[in-house]
Amino acid sequence: MAVGNTISLSINDAGRVGLAGQMGPNITYVEGRLVERDSSAYVLAVSQIQTFRDGTQVWSGERARIKSEFVNVANEKKFSRGKTAIVVGAAIGVIVAVASTSLLGILTRDNPVTPPDTASTTKIPIFIKR
């Protein structure tokens, strides 16, 4: 894991107890930008934490030192190049389809056809006796 990358740390039971005073009780995950890493701890600029009871809490980059012994699993968050390429390709396809439909609509509006009148009227004479 490289310094500067976003990582997610799964916190174990010892970590929940050890981090309760610093981050609150019942922490399950901590996510943030890796600021420093050595054999004994991770230093994160925390972006969010997840707890059992309160769900997700957003943080604004406060630094936290989390001992390695408090972590079950550390995952590095990365974009998938393949998935990103598929999403970008689909977005471009939608833009091209909308643009071509709009252009075709503009080009075919030179001779607008007026639809026939669909309303019909029936006149009924009314005789008034005087």
C-alpha atoms as a PDB file:
ATOM      1  CA  MET A   1       0.000   0.000   0.000  1.00  0.00           C
ATOM      2  CA  ALA A   2       1.402   3.289  -1.109  1.00  0.00           C
ATOM      3  CA  VAL A   3       1.262   6.478   0.929  1.00  0.00           C
ATOM      4  CA  GLY A   4      -1.403   8.796  -0.492  1.00  0.00           C
ATOM      5  CA  ASN A   5      -3.777   6.038  -1.596  1.00  0.00           C
ATOM      6  CA  THR A   6      -7.222   5.502  -0.087  1.00  0.00           C
ATOM      7  CA  ILE A   7      -7.475   2.425   2.111  1.00  0.00           C
ATOM      8  CA  SER A   8     -10.128   0.730   4.217  1.00  0.00           C
ATOM      9  CA  LEU A   9      -9.257  -0.992   7.482  1.00  0.00           C
ATOM     10  CA  SER A  10     -11.469  -3.694   8.985  1.00  0.00           C
ATOM     11  CA  ILE A  11     -11.219  -3.302  12.772  1.00  0.00           C
ATOM     12  CA  ASN A  12     -11.127  -6.325  15.108  1.00  0.00           C
ATOM     13  CA  ASP A  13     -12.514  -6.641  18.663  1.00  0.00           C
ATOM     14  CA  ALA A  14      -9.293  -5.418  20.290  1.00  0.00           C
ATOM     15  CA  GLY A  15      -9.366  -2.421  17.949  1.00  0.00           C
ATOM     16  CA  ARG A  16     -12.953  -1.574  18.909  1.00  0.00           C
ATOM     17  CA  VAL A  17     -11.870  -1.406  22.537  1.00  0.00           C
ATOM     18  CA  GLY A  18      -8.563   0.353  21.819  1.00  0.00           C
ATOM     19  CA  LEU A  19     -10.058   2.986  19.481  1.00  0.00           C
ATOM     20  CA  ALA A  20     -13.248   3.654  21.486  1.00  0.00           C
ATOM     21  CA  GLY A  21     -11.778   6.726  23.209  1.00  0.00           C
ATOM     22  CA  GLN A  22     -10.349   8.157  19.980  1.00  0.00           C
ATOM     23  CA  MET A  23     -13.089   7.347  17.442  1.00  0.00           C
ATOM     24  CA  GLY A  24     -16.101   6.120  19.366  1.00  0.00           C
ATOM     25  CA  PRO A  25     -17.422   2.673  20.251  1.00  0.00           C
ATOM     26  CA  ASN A  26     -18.320  -0.229  17.967  1.00  0.00           C
ATOM     27  CA  ILE A  27     -16.136   0.690  14.972  1.00  0.00           C
ATOM     28  CA  THR A  28     -16.160  -1.868  12.166  1.00  0.00           C
ATOM     29  CA  TYR A  29     -14.312  -0.031   9.353  1.00  0.00           C
ATOM     30  CA  VAL A  30     -12.108   3.034   9.010  1.00  0.00           C
ATOM     31  CA  GLU A  31     -11.506   4.565   5.580  1.00  0.00           C
ATOM     32  CA  GLY A  32      -9.096   7.316   4.621  1.00  0.00           C
ATOM     33  CA  ARG A  33      -5.944   8.409   2.833  1.00  0.00           C
ATOM     34  CA  LEU A  34      -2.788   6.640   4.022  1.00  0.00           C
ATOM     35  CA  VAL A  35      -0.434   9.278   5.415  1.00  0.00           C
ATOM     36  CA  GLU A  36       2.193   7.025   6.958  1.00  0.00           C
ATOM     37  CA  ARG A  37       2.763   3.291   7.404  1.00  0.00           C
ATOM     38  CA  ASP A  38       5.249   1.374   9.479  1.00  0.00           C
ATOM     39  CA  SER A  39       5.274  -2.146  10.905  1.00  0.00           C
ATOM     40  CA  SER A  40       3.352  -1.151  14.030  1.00  0.00           C
ATOM     41  CA  ALA A  41       0.634   1.230  12.773  1.00  0.00           C
ATOM     42  CA  TYR A  42      -1.267   2.963   9.992  1.00  0.00           C
ATOM     43  CA  VAL A  43      -1.658   6.746  10.067  1.00  0.00           C
ATOM     44  CA  LEU A  44      -4.764   7.811   8.136  1.00  0.00           C
ATOM     45  CA  ALA A  45      -6.408  11.080   7.186  1.00  0.00           C
ATOM     46  CA  VAL A  46      -9.824   9.634   7.997  1.00  0.00           C
ATOM     47  CA  SER A  47     -12.688  10.263   5.551  1.00  0.00           C
ATOM     48  CA  GLN A  48     -15.296   8.018   7.174  1.00  0.00           C
ATOM     49  CA  ILE A  49     -15.860   5.370   9.799  1.00  0.00           C
ATOM     50  CA  GLN A  50     -18.524   2.707   9.980  1.00  0.00           C
ATOM     51  CA  THR A  51     -19.982   1.452  13.239  1.00  0.00           C
ATOM     52  CA  PHE A  52     -22.344  -1.355  14.204  1.00  0.00           C
ATOM     53  CA  ARG A  53     -25.073   0.909  15.543  1.00  0.00           C
ATOM     54  CA  ASP A  54     -24.714   4.363  13.980  1.00  0.00           C
ATOM     55  CA  GLY A  55     -23.870   3.409  10.398  1.00  0.00           C
ATOM     56  CA  THR A  56     -21.452   5.626   8.499  1.00  0.00           C
ATOM     57  CA  GLN A  57     -19.952   8.784   9.969  1.00  0.00           C
ATOM     58  CA  VAL A  58     -18.176  11.219   7.644  1.00  0.00           C
ATOM     59  CA  TRP A  59     -14.927  12.752   8.850  1.00  0.00           C
ATOM     60  CA  SER A  60     -12.985  15.615   7.290  1.00  0.00           C
ATOM     61  CA  GLY A  61      -9.462  14.224   7.153  1.00  0.00           C
ATOM     62  CA  GLU A  62      -8.569  14.144  10.866  1.00  0.00           C
ATOM     63  CA  ARG A  63      -5.445  12.094  11.400  1.00  0.00           C
ATOM     64  CA  ALA A  64      -5.673   8.882  13.360  1.00  0.00           C
ATOM     65  CA  ARG A  65      -2.980   6.391  14.292  1.00  0.00           C
ATOM     66  CA  ILE A  66      -4.334   2.843  14.188  1.00  0.00           C
ATOM     67  CA  LYS A  67      -2.147   0.035  15.480  1.00  0.00           C
ATOM     68  CA  SER A  68      -1.637  -2.908  13.128  1.00  0.00           C
ATOM     69  CA  GLU A  69      -2.827  -5.258  15.875  1.00  0.00           C
ATOM     70  CA  PHE A  70      -6.270  -3.555  15.707  1.00  0.00           C
ATOM     71  CA  VAL A  71      -6.713  -4.399  12.002  1.00  0.00           C
ATOM     72  CA  ASN A  72      -8.182  -7.610  10.574  1.00  0.00           C
ATOM     73  CA  VAL A  73      -7.851  -6.715   6.898  1.00  0.00           C
ATOM     74  CA  ALA A  74      -6.462  -3.703   5.052  1.00  0.00           C
ATOM     75  CA  ASN A  75      -7.813  -3.055   1.537  1.00  0.00           C
ATOM     76  CA  GLU A  76      -6.581  -0.493  -0.945  1.00  0.00           C
ATOM     77  CA  LYS A  77      -9.328   1.212  -2.933  1.00  0.00           C
ATOM     78  CA  LYS A  78      -8.548   1.368  -6.653  1.00  0.00           C
ATOM     79  CA  PHE A  79     -10.514   2.126  -9.782  1.00  0.00           C
ATOM     80  CA  SER A  80     -10.900  -0.795 -12.148  1.00  0.00           C
ATOM     81  CA  ARG A  81      -9.595   0.265 -15.562  1.00  0.00           C
ATOM     82  CA  GLY A  82     -11.899  -2.169 -17.352  1.00  0.00           C
ATOM     83  CA  LYS A  83     -15.048  -1.070 -15.529  1.00  0.00           C
ATOM     84  CA  THR A  84     -14.127   2.589 -15.927  1.00  0.00           C
ATOM     85  CA  ALA A  85     -13.627   2.088 -19.683  1.00  0.00           C
ATOM     86  CA  ILE A  86     -17.042   0.409 -19.981  1.00  0.00           C
ATOM     87  CA  VAL A  87     -18.781   3.239 -18.121  1.00  0.00           C
ATOM     88  CA  VAL A  88     -17.026   5.915 -20.180  1.00  0.00           C
ATOM     89  CA  GLY A  89     -17.867   4.070 -23.423  1.00  0.00           C
ATOM     90  CA  ALA A  90     -21.533   3.760 -22.430  1.00  0.00           C
ATOM     91  CA  ALA A  91     -21.694   7.459 -21.522  1.00  0.00           C
ATOM     92  CA  ILE A  92     -20.188   8.463 -24.864  1.00  0.00           C
ATOM     93  CA  GLY A  93     -22.651   6.167 -26.651  1.00  0.00           C
ATOM     94  CA  VAL A  94     -25.613   7.815 -24.908  1.00  0.00           C
ATOM     95  CA  ILE A  95     -24.301  11.289 -25.728  1.00  0.00           C
ATOM     96  CA  VAL A  96     -23.819  10.371 -29.406  1.00  0.00           C
ATOM     97  CA  ALA A  97     -27.299   8.816 -29.600  1.00  0.00           C
ATOM     98  CA  VAL A  98     -28.969  11.868 -28.059  1.00  0.00           C
ATOM     99  CA  ALA A  99     -26.961  14.280 -30.192  1.00  0.00           C
ATOM    100  CA  SER A 100     -27.686  12.401 -33.433  1.00  0.00           C
ATOM    101  CA  THR A 101     -31.413  12.188 -32.651  1.00  0.00           C
ATOM    102  CA  SER A 102     -31.495  15.911 -31.905  1.00  0.00           C
ATOM    103  CA  LEU A 103     -29.611  16.737 -35.121  1.00  0.00           C
ATOM    104  CA  LEU A 104     -31.854  14.502 -37.220  1.00  0.00           C
ATOM    105  CA  GLY A 105     -34.882  16.167 -35.675  1.00  0.00           C
ATOM    106  CA  ILE A 106     -33.542  19.607 -36.572  1.00  0.00           C
ATOM    107  CA  LEU A 107     -32.700  18.549 -40.136  1.00  0.00           C
ATOM    108  CA  THR A 108     -36.115  17.067 -40.854  1.00  0.00           C
ATOM    109  CA  ARG A 109     -38.063  20.096 -39.597  1.00  0.00           C
ATOM    110  CA  ASP A 110     -37.564  22.097 -42.831  1.00  0.00           C
ATOM    111  CA  ASN A 111     -41.004  21.177 -44.197  1.00  0.00           C
ATOM    112  CA  PRO A 112     -43.218  20.632 -41.227  1.00  0.00           C
ATOM    113  CA  VAL A 113     -46.327  18.658 -42.005  1.00  0.00           C
ATOM    114  CA  THR A 114     -49.479  20.041 -40.458  1.00  0.00           C
ATOM    115  CA  PRO A 115     -51.626  17.219 -39.168  1.00  0.00           C
ATOM    116  CA  PRO A 116     -55.215  17.159 -40.394  1.00  0.00           C
ATOM    117  CA  ASP A 117     -57.887  18.607 -38.163  1.00  0.00           C
ATOM    118  CA  THR A 118     -59.344  15.753 -36.169  1.00  0.00           C
ATOM    119  CA  ALA A 119     -62.141  17.733 -34.617  1.00  0.00           C
ATOM    120  CA  SER A 120     -65.553  17.376 -36.208  1.00  0.00           C
ATOM    121  CA  THR A 121     -68.546  19.628 -35.827  1.00  0.00           C
ATOM    122  CA  THR A 122     -72.170  18.784 -36.310  1.00  0.00           C
ATOM    123  CA  LYS A 123     -74.723  21.597 -36.687  1.00  0.00           C
ATOM    124  CA  ILE A 124     -78.201  20.805 -35.456  1.00  0.00           C
ATOM    125  CA  PRO A 125     -80.856  23.363 -36.329  1.00  0.00           C
ATOM    126  CA  ILE A 126     -83.003  24.450 -33.443  1.00  0.00           C
ATOM    127  CA  PHE A 127     -86.496  25.732 -34.242  1.00  0.00           C
ATOM    128  CA  ILE A 128     -87.899  28.183 -31.798  1.00  0.00           C
ATOM    129  CA  LYS A 129     -91.675  28.772 -31.861  1.00  0.00           C
ATOM    130  CA  ARG A 130     -92.944  32.198 -31.044  1.00  0.00           C
END
